[in-house]
Every structure is written in structure tokens, then in C-alpha cells.
Amino acid sequence: MPSHKVRFFVASDPVDFRKGHDGLAALVQSHLRQKPFDGSVYVFRAKRSDRLKLIYWDCSGLVMAYKRLEDNSFKWPTIKNGVMRLEPTQFEALFAGLDWQRVQPLEVVAPSAAE
């Protein structure tokens, strides 16, 4: 699982799932107005709500993962033009097929010094 410092972006519109690494990276750049090689994780949904693809740059290549839930569907944000950012815990819930909207990340301030 990527570090807690990684940013997660979800494209709210369904995409053509025939797209591969390059096609999804082009969507990140042109449609989402983000940088596909910045280390962020970009999540895409299919028209069928039981499938997702994600891409991210790991400093040596573009990684793409595909997931299909069996007997369930992902809880997606409302379909509309754009992109939304998820906190790492919300992404983990989405990826597991849980209702990510019920997950509220803790806001913890890092200690200024070790005790």
C-alpha cells in the first residue's frame, strides 16, 4: 500500500476500460488537469460500478492495477465532471469495497520532538 503521504484522486466520470497505461495517463493530464507522473494515485471507474483501475508513477515506470469486486459494487462519488481527492483511509475503504464516505480520517498533529 502506498505511503500515507501519497495523494489519491478519483475521476468521477466513468472511463473506457479498454484504455491502458498511456490512455489513462493522458486522461489524468487532459481531463483531470493533473500530472500523471507526480507519484499520486489516480483512480478510475468503469460504467459498471464493480470495477476500478488505478495508475501511479513509482519512479521507474507507470503502474496500473485493475480490480473487480465479486458480488458487490464500489461506492462511488456522484457521477459528474471532475476529480475529487480522497484521504488515504478513504481510498483504502473504497478499494476494499466499503462505503468510503463513512470514513473520517483523524487529524493528528505530529509531535514536535521525541519524548
PDB file of N, CA and C in Angstrom:
ATOM      1  N   MET A   1       0.856  -1.173   0.000  1.00  0.00           N
ATOM      2  CA  MET A   1       0.000   0.000   0.000  1.00  0.00           C
ATOM      3  C   MET A   1       0.901   1.235   0.000  1.00  0.00           C
ATOM      4  N   PRO A   2       0.557   2.234  -0.807  1.00  0.00           N
ATOM      5  CA  PRO A   2       1.369   3.450  -0.842  1.00  0.00           C
ATOM      6  C   PRO A   2       1.405   4.159   0.508  1.00  0.00           C
ATOM      7  N   SER A   3       2.397   4.973   0.684  1.00  0.00           N
ATOM      8  CA  SER A   3       2.604   5.727   1.913  1.00  0.00           C
ATOM      9  C   SER A   3       1.434   6.661   2.203  1.00  0.00           C
ATOM     10  N   HIS A   4       1.312   7.045   3.469  1.00  0.00           N
ATOM     11  CA  HIS A   4       0.259   7.984   3.860  1.00  0.00           C
ATOM     12  C   HIS A   4       0.472   9.359   3.248  1.00  0.00           C
ATOM     13  N   LYS A   5       1.660   9.624   2.713  1.00  0.00           N
ATOM     14  CA  LYS A   5       1.941  10.914   2.097  1.00  0.00           C
ATOM     15  C   LYS A   5       1.474  10.980   0.644  1.00  0.00           C
ATOM     16  N   VAL A   6       1.075   9.857   0.091  1.00  0.00           N
ATOM     17  CA  VAL A   6       0.611   9.813  -1.290  1.00  0.00           C
ATOM     18  C   VAL A   6      -0.766  10.450  -1.384  1.00  0.00           C
ATOM     19  N   ARG A   7      -0.975  11.197  -2.451  1.00  0.00           N
ATOM     20  CA  ARG A   7      -2.286  11.807  -2.691  1.00  0.00           C
ATOM     21  C   ARG A   7      -3.100  10.879  -3.585  1.00  0.00           C
ATOM     22  N   PHE A   8      -4.402  10.791  -3.326  1.00  0.00           N
ATOM     23  CA  PHE A   8      -5.314   9.929  -4.072  1.00  0.00           C
ATOM     24  C   PHE A   8      -6.377  10.787  -4.738  1.00  0.00           C
ATOM     25  N   PHE A   9      -6.530  10.620  -6.042  1.00  0.00           N
ATOM     26  CA  PHE A   9      -7.528  11.358  -6.805  1.00  0.00           C
ATOM     27  C   PHE A   9      -8.448  10.367  -7.502  1.00  0.00           C
ATOM     28  N   VAL A  10      -9.751  10.639  -7.437  1.00  0.00           N
ATOM     29  CA  VAL A  10     -10.751   9.796  -8.085  1.00  0.00           C
ATOM     30  C   VAL A  10     -11.425  10.601  -9.182  1.00  0.00           C
ATOM     31  N   ALA A  11     -11.377  10.067 -10.401  1.00  0.00           N
ATOM     32  CA  ALA A  11     -12.112  10.675 -11.513  1.00  0.00           C
ATOM     33  C   ALA A  11     -13.577  10.299 -11.346  1.00  0.00           C
ATOM     34  N   SER A  12     -14.451  11.275 -11.328  1.00  0.00           N
ATOM     35  CA  SER A  12     -15.851  10.977 -11.049  1.00  0.00           C
ATOM     36  C   SER A  12     -16.617  10.454 -12.263  1.00  0.00           C
ATOM     37  N   ASP A  13     -16.143  10.709 -13.471  1.00  0.00           N
ATOM     38  CA  ASP A  13     -16.792  10.181 -14.670  1.00  0.00           C
ATOM     39  C   ASP A  13     -16.284   8.789 -14.995  1.00  0.00           C
ATOM     40  N   PRO A  14     -17.156   7.887 -15.433  1.00  0.00           N
ATOM     41  CA  PRO A  14     -16.689   6.578 -15.907  1.00  0.00           C
ATOM     42  C   PRO A  14     -15.800   6.762 -17.144  1.00  0.00           C
ATOM     43  N   VAL A  15     -14.812   5.872 -17.287  1.00  0.00           N
ATOM     44  CA  VAL A  15     -13.912   5.923 -18.441  1.00  0.00           C
ATOM     45  C   VAL A  15     -14.005   4.616 -19.221  1.00  0.00           C
ATOM     46  N   ASP A  16     -13.507   4.664 -20.436  1.00  0.00           N
ATOM     47  CA  ASP A  16     -13.439   3.489 -21.296  1.00  0.00           C
ATOM     48  C   ASP A  16     -12.375   2.561 -20.723  1.00  0.00           C
ATOM     49  N   PHE A  17     -12.771   1.385 -20.241  1.00  0.00           N
ATOM     50  CA  PHE A  17     -11.835   0.486 -19.587  1.00  0.00           C
ATOM     51  C   PHE A  17     -10.925  -0.269 -20.545  1.00  0.00           C
ATOM     52  N   ARG A  18     -11.031   0.004 -21.837  1.00  0.00           N
ATOM     53  CA  ARG A  18     -10.060  -0.545 -22.776  1.00  0.00           C
ATOM     54  C   ARG A  18      -8.767   0.252 -22.735  1.00  0.00           C
ATOM     55  N   LYS A  19      -8.796   1.431 -22.108  1.00  0.00           N
ATOM     56  CA  LYS A  19      -7.591   2.259 -22.010  1.00  0.00           C
ATOM     57  C   LYS A  19      -6.557   1.587 -21.121  1.00  0.00           C
ATOM     58  N   GLY A  20      -5.313   1.708 -21.534  1.00  0.00           N
ATOM     59  CA  GLY A  20      -4.197   1.179 -20.768  1.00  0.00           C
ATOM     60  C   GLY A  20      -3.436   2.296 -20.083  1.00  0.00           C
ATOM     61  N   HIS A  21      -2.169   2.018 -19.770  1.00  0.00           N
ATOM     62  CA  HIS A  21      -1.316   2.976 -19.059  1.00  0.00           C
ATOM     63  C   HIS A  21      -1.312   4.355 -19.732  1.00  0.00           C
ATOM     64  N   ASP A  22      -0.974   4.382 -21.015  1.00  0.00           N
ATOM     65  CA  ASP A  22      -0.818   5.657 -21.715  1.00  0.00           C
ATOM     66  C   ASP A  22      -2.142   6.403 -21.852  1.00  0.00           C
ATOM     67  N   GLY A  23      -3.212   5.679 -22.150  1.00  0.00           N
ATOM     68  CA  GLY A  23      -4.518   6.318 -22.289  1.00  0.00           C
ATOM     69  C   GLY A  23      -4.998   6.934 -20.987  1.00  0.00           C
ATOM     70  N   LEU A  24      -4.799   6.218 -19.873  1.00  0.00           N
ATOM     71  CA  LEU A  24      -5.214   6.761 -18.581  1.00  0.00           C
ATOM     72  C   LEU A  24      -4.323   7.929 -18.161  1.00  0.00           C
ATOM     73  N   ALA A  25      -3.022   7.840 -18.442  1.00  0.00           N
ATOM     74  CA  ALA A  25      -2.118   8.955 -18.128  1.00  0.00           C
ATOM     75  C   ALA A  25      -2.526  10.203 -18.923  1.00  0.00           C
ATOM     76  N   ALA A  26      -2.922  10.004 -20.182  1.00  0.00           N
ATOM     77  CA  ALA A  26      -3.384  11.131 -20.994  1.00  0.00           C
ATOM     78  C   ALA A  26      -4.653  11.741 -20.400  1.00  0.00           C
ATOM     79  N   LEU A  27      -5.559  10.910 -19.864  1.00  0.00           N
ATOM     80  CA  LEU A  27      -6.765  11.426 -19.210  1.00  0.00           C
ATOM     81  C   LEU A  27      -6.417  12.229 -17.959  1.00  0.00           C
ATOM     82  N   VAL A  28      -5.454  11.746 -17.202  1.00  0.00           N
ATOM     83  CA  VAL A  28      -5.026  12.479 -15.999  1.00  0.00           C
ATOM     84  C   VAL A  28      -4.581  13.881 -16.388  1.00  0.00           C
ATOM     85  N   GLN A  29      -3.808  13.953 -17.451  1.00  0.00           N
ATOM     86  CA  GLN A  29      -3.258  15.237 -17.880  1.00  0.00           C
ATOM     87  C   GLN A  29      -4.314  16.132 -18.523  1.00  0.00           C
ATOM     88  N   SER A  30      -5.092  15.601 -19.456  1.00  0.00           N
ATOM     89  CA  SER A  30      -6.011  16.448 -20.212  1.00  0.00           C
ATOM     90  C   SER A  30      -7.346  16.685 -19.499  1.00  0.00           C
ATOM     91  N   HIS A  31      -7.935  15.656 -18.928  1.00  0.00           N
ATOM     92  CA  HIS A  31      -9.266  15.791 -18.336  1.00  0.00           C
ATOM     93  C   HIS A  31      -9.219  16.199 -16.855  1.00  0.00           C
ATOM     94  N   LEU A  32      -8.309  15.585 -16.102  1.00  0.00           N
ATOM     95  CA  LEU A  32      -8.235  15.878 -14.669  1.00  0.00           C
ATOM     96  C   LEU A  32      -7.338  17.069 -14.355  1.00  0.00           C
ATOM     97  N   ARG A  33      -6.556  17.500 -15.354  1.00  0.00           N
ATOM     98  CA  ARG A  33      -5.632  18.633 -15.195  1.00  0.00           C
ATOM     99  C   ARG A  33      -4.620  18.405 -14.078  1.00  0.00           C
ATOM    100  N   GLN A  34      -4.126  17.163 -14.006  1.00  0.00           N
ATOM    101  CA  GLN A  34      -3.114  16.798 -13.018  1.00  0.00           C
ATOM    102  C   GLN A  34      -1.883  16.292 -13.757  1.00  0.00           C
ATOM    103  N   LYS A  35      -0.839  15.980 -13.014  1.00  0.00           N
ATOM    104  CA  LYS A  35       0.407  15.481 -13.596  1.00  0.00           C
ATOM    105  C   LYS A  35       0.505  13.980 -13.330  1.00  0.00           C
ATOM    106  N   PRO A  36       0.393  13.160 -14.383  1.00  0.00           N
ATOM    107  CA  PRO A  36       0.341  11.707 -14.176  1.00  0.00           C
ATOM    108  C   PRO A  36       1.621  11.098 -13.612  1.00  0.00           C
ATOM    109  N   PHE A  37       2.721  11.832 -13.636  1.00  0.00           N
ATOM    110  CA  PHE A  37       3.996  11.286 -13.179  1.00  0.00           C
ATOM    111  C   PHE A  37       4.475  11.952 -11.885  1.00  0.00           C
ATOM    112  N   ASP A  38       3.521  12.431 -11.061  1.00  0.00           N
ATOM    113  CA  ASP A  38       3.882  13.119  -9.816  1.00  0.00           C
ATOM    114  C   ASP A  38       3.862  12.211  -8.594  1.00  0.00           C
ATOM    115  N   GLY A  39       3.573  10.920  -8.782  1.00  0.00           N
ATOM    116  CA  GLY A  39       3.546   9.986  -7.657  1.00  0.00           C
ATOM    117  C   GLY A  39       2.184   9.833  -7.007  1.00  0.00           C
ATOM    118  N   SER A  40       1.212  10.634  -7.438  1.00  0.00           N
ATOM    119  CA  SER A  40      -0.150  10.487  -6.916  1.00  0.00           C
ATOM    120  C   SER A  40      -0.799   9.257  -7.530  1.00  0.00           C
ATOM    121  N   VAL A  41      -1.818   8.741  -6.841  1.00  0.00           N
ATOM    122  CA  VAL A  41      -2.585   7.605  -7.339  1.00  0.00           C
ATOM    123  C   VAL A  41      -3.871   8.158  -7.952  1.00  0.00           C
ATOM    124  N   TYR A  42      -4.128   7.769  -9.202  1.00  0.00           N
ATOM    125  CA  TYR A  42      -5.317   8.212  -9.919  1.00  0.00           C
ATOM    126  C   TYR A  42      -6.233   7.011 -10.113  1.00  0.00           C
ATOM    127  N   VAL A  43      -7.478   7.156  -9.638  1.00  0.00           N
ATOM    128  CA  VAL A  43      -8.435   6.053  -9.639  1.00  0.00           C
ATOM    129  C   VAL A  43      -9.536   6.358 -10.654  1.00  0.00           C
ATOM    130  N   PHE A  44      -9.864   5.341 -11.459  1.00  0.00           N
ATOM    131  CA  PHE A  44     -10.884   5.475 -12.492  1.00  0.00           C
ATOM    132  C   PHE A  44     -11.938   4.395 -12.317  1.00  0.00           C
ATOM    133  N   ARG A  45     -13.165   4.722 -12.663  1.00  0.00           N
ATOM    134  CA  ARG A  45     -14.257   3.763 -12.584  1.00  0.00           C
ATOM    135  C   ARG A  45     -14.726   3.420 -13.986  1.00  0.00           C
ATOM    136  N   ALA A  46     -15.303   2.234 -14.106  1.00  0.00           N
ATOM    137  CA  ALA A  46     -15.947   1.821 -15.344  1.00  0.00           C
ATOM    138  C   ALA A  46     -17.419   2.212 -15.274  1.00  0.00           C
ATOM    139  N   LYS A  47     -18.145   2.006 -16.368  1.00  0.00           N
ATOM    140  CA  LYS A  47     -19.590   2.241 -16.329  1.00  0.00           C
ATOM    141  C   LYS A  47     -20.241   1.293 -15.337  1.00  0.00           C
ATOM    142  N   ARG A  48     -19.726   0.061 -15.278  1.00  0.00           N
ATOM    143  CA  ARG A  48     -20.200  -0.885 -14.269  1.00  0.00           C
ATOM    144  C   ARG A  48     -19.516  -0.532 -12.958  1.00  0.00           C
ATOM    145  N   SER A  49     -20.273  -0.384 -11.911  1.00  0.00           N
ATOM    146  CA  SER A  49     -19.715   0.123 -10.652  1.00  0.00           C
ATOM    147  C   SER A  49     -18.917  -0.913  -9.858  1.00  0.00           C
ATOM    148  N   ASP A  50     -18.710  -2.093 -10.410  1.00  0.00           N
ATOM    149  CA  ASP A  50     -17.942  -3.121  -9.699  1.00  0.00           C
ATOM    150  C   ASP A  50     -16.474  -3.174 -10.138  1.00  0.00           C
ATOM    151  N   ARG A  51     -16.026  -2.200 -10.951  1.00  0.00           N
ATOM    152  CA  ARG A  51     -14.666  -2.228 -11.487  1.00  0.00           C
ATOM    153  C   ARG A  51     -13.952  -0.897 -11.294  1.00  0.00           C
ATOM    154  N   LEU A  52     -12.652  -1.000 -11.026  1.00  0.00           N
ATOM    155  CA  LEU A  52     -11.825   0.197 -10.977  1.00  0.00           C
ATOM    156  C   LEU A  52     -10.454  -0.109 -11.548  1.00  0.00           C
ATOM    157  N   LYS A  53      -9.810   0.948 -12.033  1.00  0.00           N
ATOM    158  CA  LYS A  53      -8.415   0.899 -12.441  1.00  0.00           C
ATOM    159  C   LYS A  53      -7.730   2.054 -11.741  1.00  0.00           C
ATOM    160  N   LEU A  54      -6.472   1.844 -11.418  1.00  0.00           N
ATOM    161  CA  LEU A  54      -5.692   2.942 -10.872  1.00  0.00           C
ATOM    162  C   LEU A  54      -4.321   2.945 -11.526  1.00  0.00           C
ATOM    163  N   ILE A  55      -3.751   4.123 -11.611  1.00  0.00           N
ATOM    164  CA  ILE A  55      -2.384   4.258 -12.118  1.00  0.00           C
ATOM    165  C   ILE A  55      -1.602   5.159 -11.178  1.00  0.00           C
ATOM    166  N   TYR A  56      -0.304   4.909 -11.135  1.00  0.00           N
ATOM    167  CA  TYR A  56       0.608   5.810 -10.428  1.00  0.00           C
ATOM    168  C   TYR A  56       2.020   5.573 -10.934  1.00  0.00           C
ATOM    169  N   TRP A  57       2.839   6.593 -10.813  1.00  0.00           N
ATOM    170  CA  TRP A  57       4.240   6.569 -11.219  1.00  0.00           C
ATOM    171  C   TRP A  57       5.061   6.202  -9.999  1.00  0.00           C
ATOM    172  N   ASP A  58       5.898   5.142 -10.112  1.00  0.00           N
ATOM    173  CA  ASP A  58       6.688   4.704  -8.956  1.00  0.00           C
ATOM    174  C   ASP A  58       8.173   5.034  -9.104  1.00  0.00           C
ATOM    175  N   CYS A  59       8.488   6.018  -9.922  1.00  0.00           N
ATOM    176  CA  CYS A  59       9.851   6.497 -10.174  1.00  0.00           C
ATOM    177  C   CYS A  59      10.651   5.593 -11.113  1.00  0.00           C
ATOM    178  N   SER A  60      10.073   4.475 -11.543  1.00  0.00           N
ATOM    179  CA  SER A  60      10.749   3.651 -12.544  1.00  0.00           C
ATOM    180  C   SER A  60       9.808   3.267 -13.679  1.00  0.00           C
ATOM    181  N   GLY A  61       8.522   3.520 -13.497  1.00  0.00           N
ATOM    182  CA  GLY A  61       7.549   3.203 -14.526  1.00  0.00           C
ATOM    183  C   GLY A  61       6.145   3.511 -14.058  1.00  0.00           C
ATOM    184  N   LEU A  62       5.225   3.454 -14.998  1.00  0.00           N
ATOM    185  CA  LEU A  62       3.825   3.710 -14.701  1.00  0.00           C
ATOM    186  C   LEU A  62       3.165   2.390 -14.325  1.00  0.00           C
ATOM    187  N   VAL A  63       2.567   2.335 -13.142  1.00  0.00           N
ATOM    188  CA  VAL A  63       1.930   1.131 -12.620  1.00  0.00           C
ATOM    189  C   VAL A  63       0.420   1.256 -12.816  1.00  0.00           C
ATOM    190  N   MET A  64      -0.191   0.182 -13.303  1.00  0.00           N
ATOM    191  CA  MET A  64      -1.638   0.158 -13.449  1.00  0.00           C
ATOM    192  C   MET A  64      -2.167  -1.078 -12.732  1.00  0.00           C
ATOM    193  N   ALA A  65      -3.226  -0.905 -11.968  1.00  0.00           N
ATOM    194  CA  ALA A  65      -3.880  -2.028 -11.288  1.00  0.00           C
ATOM    195  C   ALA A  65      -5.353  -2.006 -11.660  1.00  0.00           C
ATOM    196  N   TYR A  66      -5.932  -3.188 -11.708  1.00  0.00           N
ATOM    197  CA  TYR A  66      -7.341  -3.359 -12.060  1.00  0.00           C
ATOM    198  C   TYR A  66      -7.975  -4.203 -10.967  1.00  0.00           C
ATOM    199  N   LYS A  67      -9.166  -3.812 -10.536  1.00  0.00           N
ATOM    200  CA  LYS A  67      -9.860  -4.610  -9.533  1.00  0.00           C
ATOM    201  C   LYS A  67     -11.330  -4.725  -9.901  1.00  0.00           C
ATOM    202  N   ARG A  68     -11.852  -5.931  -9.774  1.00  0.00           N
ATOM    203  CA  ARG A  68     -13.278  -6.197  -9.969  1.00  0.00           C
ATOM    204  C   ARG A  68     -13.784  -6.854  -8.704  1.00  0.00           C
ATOM    205  N   LEU A  69     -14.829  -6.282  -8.121  1.00  0.00           N
ATOM    206  CA  LEU A  69     -15.426  -6.875  -6.925  1.00  0.00           C
ATOM    207  C   LEU A  69     -16.362  -8.007  -7.338  1.00  0.00           C
ATOM    208  N   GLU A  70     -16.348  -9.059  -6.589  1.00  0.00           N
ATOM    209  CA  GLU A  70     -17.260 -10.171  -6.818  1.00  0.00           C
ATOM    210  C   GLU A  70     -18.500  -9.959  -5.959  1.00  0.00           C
ATOM    211  N   ASP A  71     -19.661 -10.061  -6.559  1.00  0.00           N
ATOM    212  CA  ASP A  71     -20.944  -9.969  -5.847  1.00  0.00           C
ATOM    213  C   ASP A  71     -21.127  -8.676  -5.055  1.00  0.00           C
ATOM    214  N   ASN A  72     -20.552  -7.589  -5.521  1.00  0.00           N
ATOM    215  CA  ASN A  72     -20.695  -6.311  -4.841  1.00  0.00           C
ATOM    216  C   ASN A  72     -20.311  -5.201  -5.810  1.00  0.00           C
ATOM    217  N   SER A  73     -20.443  -3.961  -5.378  1.00  0.00           N
ATOM    218  CA  SER A  73     -20.009  -2.842  -6.208  1.00  0.00           C
ATOM    219  C   SER A  73     -19.327  -1.804  -5.328  1.00  0.00           C
ATOM    220  N   PHE A  74     -18.467  -1.016  -5.959  1.00  0.00           N
ATOM    221  CA  PHE A  74     -17.789   0.055  -5.237  1.00  0.00           C
ATOM    222  C   PHE A  74     -18.776   1.175  -4.947  1.00  0.00           C
ATOM    223  N   LYS A  75     -18.549   1.881  -3.868  1.00  0.00           N
ATOM    224  CA  LYS A  75     -19.358   3.050  -3.512  1.00  0.00           C
ATOM    225  C   LYS A  75     -18.663   4.269  -4.110  1.00  0.00           C
ATOM    226  N   TRP A  76     -19.162   4.712  -5.265  1.00  0.00           N
ATOM    227  CA  TRP A  76     -18.513   5.793  -5.996  1.00  0.00           C
ATOM    228  C   TRP A  76     -19.100   7.153  -5.641  1.00  0.00           C
ATOM    229  N   PRO A  77     -18.287   8.203  -5.804  1.00  0.00           N
ATOM    230  CA  PRO A  77     -18.841   9.561  -5.678  1.00  0.00           C
ATOM    231  C   PRO A  77     -19.880   9.781  -6.780  1.00  0.00           C
ATOM    232  N   THR A  78     -20.702  10.777  -6.614  1.00  0.00           N
ATOM    233  CA  THR A  78     -21.697  11.120  -7.623  1.00  0.00           C
ATOM    234  C   THR A  78     -21.011  11.359  -8.958  1.00  0.00           C
ATOM    235  N   ILE A  79     -21.602  10.810 -10.027  1.00  0.00           N
ATOM    236  CA  ILE A  79     -21.016  10.991 -11.357  1.00  0.00           C
ATOM    237  C   ILE A  79     -21.244  12.432 -11.806  1.00  0.00           C
ATOM    238  N   LYS A  80     -20.140  13.114 -12.044  1.00  0.00           N
ATOM    239  CA  LYS A  80     -20.153  14.485 -12.551  1.00  0.00           C
ATOM    240  C   LYS A  80     -18.766  14.759 -13.108  1.00  0.00           C
ATOM    241  N   ASN A  81     -18.648  15.809 -13.886  1.00  0.00           N
ATOM    242  CA  ASN A  81     -17.334  16.133 -14.441  1.00  0.00           C
ATOM    243  C   ASN A  81     -16.386  16.521 -13.322  1.00  0.00           C
ATOM    244  N   GLY A  82     -15.185  15.979 -13.367  1.00  0.00           N
ATOM    245  CA  GLY A  82     -14.193  16.421 -12.416  1.00  0.00           C
ATOM    246  C   GLY A  82     -13.476  15.308 -11.697  1.00  0.00           C
ATOM    247  N   VAL A  83     -12.786  15.732 -10.676  1.00  0.00           N
ATOM    248  CA  VAL A  83     -11.954  14.840  -9.888  1.00  0.00           C
ATOM    249  C   VAL A  83     -12.121  15.224  -8.426  1.00  0.00           C
ATOM    250  N   MET A  84     -12.009  14.244  -7.547  1.00  0.00           N
ATOM    251  CA  MET A  84     -12.045  14.558  -6.123  1.00  0.00           C
ATOM    252  C   MET A  84     -10.871  13.874  -5.434  1.00  0.00           C
ATOM    253  N   ARG A  85     -10.406  14.486  -4.391  1.00  0.00           N
ATOM    254  CA  ARG A  85      -9.284  13.937  -3.633  1.00  0.00           C
ATOM    255  C   ARG A  85      -9.815  13.156  -2.445  1.00  0.00           C
ATOM    256  N   LEU A  86      -9.218  11.994  -2.209  1.00  0.00           N
ATOM    257  CA  LEU A  86      -9.560  11.185  -1.040  1.00  0.00           C
ATOM    258  C   LEU A  86      -8.370  11.130  -0.107  1.00  0.00           C
ATOM    259  N   GLU A  87      -8.649  11.045   1.169  1.00  0.00           N
ATOM    260  CA  GLU A  87      -7.607  10.790   2.152  1.00  0.00           C
ATOM    261  C   GLU A  87      -7.207   9.313   2.032  1.00  0.00           C
ATOM    262  N   PRO A  88      -5.989   8.964   2.439  1.00  0.00           N
ATOM    263  CA  PRO A  88      -5.552   7.563   2.318  1.00  0.00           C
ATOM    264  C   PRO A  88      -6.512   6.559   2.945  1.00  0.00           C
ATOM    265  N   THR A  89      -7.070   6.871   4.104  1.00  0.00           N
ATOM    266  CA  THR A  89      -8.002   5.926   4.739  1.00  0.00           C
ATOM    267  C   THR A  89      -9.288   5.791   3.938  1.00  0.00           C
ATOM    268  N   GLN A  90      -9.727   6.881   3.310  1.00  0.00           N
ATOM    269  CA  GLN A  90     -10.918   6.815   2.468  1.00  0.00           C
ATOM    270  C   GLN A  90     -10.639   5.964   1.229  1.00  0.00           C
ATOM    271  N   PHE A  91      -9.443   6.125   0.644  1.00  0.00           N
ATOM    272  CA  PHE A  91      -9.085   5.302  -0.509  1.00  0.00           C
ATOM    273  C   PHE A  91      -9.053   3.821  -0.125  1.00  0.00           C
ATOM    274  N   GLU A  92      -8.472   3.512   1.016  1.00  0.00           N
ATOM    275  CA  GLU A  92      -8.410   2.115   1.462  1.00  0.00           C
ATOM    276  C   GLU A  92      -9.812   1.532   1.597  1.00  0.00           C
ATOM    277  N   ALA A  93     -10.750   2.319   2.127  1.00  0.00           N
ATOM    278  CA  ALA A  93     -12.131   1.851   2.252  1.00  0.00           C
ATOM    279  C   ALA A  93     -12.753   1.645   0.877  1.00  0.00           C
ATOM    280  N   LEU A  94     -12.574   2.602  -0.032  1.00  0.00           N
ATOM    281  CA  LEU A  94     -13.100   2.466  -1.393  1.00  0.00           C
ATOM    282  C   LEU A  94     -12.542   1.212  -2.047  1.00  0.00           C
ATOM    283  N   PHE A  95     -11.233   1.008  -1.976  1.00  0.00           N
ATOM    284  CA  PHE A  95     -10.567  -0.124  -2.617  1.00  0.00           C
ATOM    285  C   PHE A  95     -11.048  -1.458  -2.047  1.00  0.00           C
ATOM    286  N   ALA A  96     -11.418  -1.464  -0.774  1.00  0.00           N
ATOM    287  CA  ALA A  96     -11.920  -2.680  -0.123  1.00  0.00           C
ATOM    288  C   ALA A  96     -13.404  -2.912  -0.407  1.00  0.00           C
ATOM    289  N   GLY A  97     -14.049  -1.962  -1.086  1.00  0.00           N
ATOM    290  CA  GLY A  97     -15.470  -2.108  -1.379  1.00  0.00           C
ATOM    291  C   GLY A  97     -16.369  -1.587  -0.279  1.00  0.00           C
ATOM    292  N   LEU A  98     -15.804  -0.851   0.670  1.00  0.00           N
ATOM    293  CA  LEU A  98     -16.575  -0.292   1.779  1.00  0.00           C
ATOM    294  C   LEU A  98     -17.086   1.097   1.414  1.00  0.00           C
ATOM    295  N   ASP A  99     -17.983   1.615   2.209  1.00  0.00           N
ATOM    296  CA  ASP A  99     -18.507   2.960   1.986  1.00  0.00           C
ATOM    297  C   ASP A  99     -17.493   3.978   2.516  1.00  0.00           C
ATOM    298  N   TRP A 100     -16.680   4.522   1.628  1.00  0.00           N
ATOM    299  CA  TRP A 100     -15.596   5.438   1.996  1.00  0.00           C
ATOM    300  C   TRP A 100     -16.127   6.733   2.607  1.00  0.00           C
ATOM    301  N   GLN A 101     -17.393   7.080   2.319  1.00  0.00           N
ATOM    302  CA  GLN A 101     -17.959   8.325   2.846  1.00  0.00           C
ATOM    303  C   GLN A 101     -18.168   8.261   4.356  1.00  0.00           C
ATOM    304  N   ARG A 102     -18.187   7.054   4.909  1.00  0.00           N
ATOM    305  CA  ARG A 102     -18.371   6.904   6.352  1.00  0.00           C
ATOM    306  C   ARG A 102     -17.047   6.949   7.110  1.00  0.00           C
ATOM    307  N   VAL A 103     -15.951   7.015   6.371  1.00  0.00           N
ATOM    308  CA  VAL A 103     -14.621   7.037   6.987  1.00  0.00           C
ATOM    309  C   VAL A 103     -14.174   8.486   7.136  1.00  0.00           C
ATOM    310  N   GLN A 104     -13.936   8.885   8.343  1.00  0.00           N
ATOM    311  CA  GLN A 104     -13.444  10.223   8.626  1.00  0.00           C
ATOM    312  C   GLN A 104     -12.015  10.113   9.153  1.00  0.00           C
ATOM    313  N   PRO A 105     -11.035  10.573   8.375  1.00  0.00           N
ATOM    314  CA  PRO A 105      -9.656  10.459   8.832  1.00  0.00           C
ATOM    315  C   PRO A 105      -9.402  11.292  10.083  1.00  0.00           C
ATOM    316  N   LEU A 106      -8.551  10.766  10.946  1.00  0.00           N
ATOM    317  CA  LEU A 106      -8.157  11.507  12.142  1.00  0.00           C
ATOM    318  C   LEU A 106      -7.215  12.639  11.749  1.00  0.00           C
ATOM    319  N   GLU A 107      -7.396  13.760  12.379  1.00  0.00           N
ATOM    320  CA  GLU A 107      -6.487  14.868  12.154  1.00  0.00           C
ATOM    321  C   GLU A 107      -5.551  14.931  13.348  1.00  0.00           C
ATOM    322  N   VAL A 108      -4.371  14.395  13.164  1.00  0.00           N
ATOM    323  CA  VAL A 108      -3.394  14.319  14.236  1.00  0.00           C
ATOM    324  C   VAL A 108      -2.205  15.186  13.872  1.00  0.00           C
ATOM    325  N   VAL A 109      -1.783  16.017  14.800  1.00  0.00           N
ATOM    326  CA  VAL A 109      -0.611  16.847  14.603  1.00  0.00           C
ATOM    327  C   VAL A 109       0.605  16.042  15.052  1.00  0.00           C
ATOM    328  N   ALA A 110       1.600  15.976  14.194  1.00  0.00           N
ATOM    329  CA  ALA A 110       2.821  15.242  14.526  1.00  0.00           C
ATOM    330  C   ALA A 110       3.535  15.947  15.689  1.00  0.00           C
ATOM    331  N   PRO A 111       4.122  15.156  16.601  1.00  0.00           N
ATOM    332  CA  PRO A 111       4.850  15.754  17.719  1.00  0.00           C
ATOM    333  C   PRO A 111       6.031  16.578  17.210  1.00  0.00           C
ATOM    334  N   SER A 112       6.367  17.623  17.935  1.00  0.00           N
ATOM    335  CA  SER A 112       7.475  18.480  17.515  1.00  0.00           C
ATOM    336  C   SER A 112       8.817  17.898  17.948  1.00  0.00           C
ATOM    337  N   ALA A 113       8.799  17.023  18.944  1.00  0.00           N
ATOM    338  CA  ALA A 113      10.037  16.405  19.425  1.00  0.00           C
ATOM    339  C   ALA A 113       9.701  15.058  20.079  1.00  0.00           C
ATOM    340  N   ALA A 114      10.685  14.180  20.094  1.00  0.00           N
ATOM    341  CA  ALA A 114      10.516  12.884  20.752  1.00  0.00           C
ATOM    342  C   ALA A 114      10.584  13.078  22.250  1.00  0.00           C
ATOM    343  N   GLU A 115       9.831  12.274  22.972  1.00  0.00           N
ATOM    344  CA  GLU A 115       9.848  12.385  24.439  1.00  0.00           C
ATOM    345  C   GLU A 115      10.938  11.550  25.023  1.00  0.00           C
TER     346      GLU A 115
END
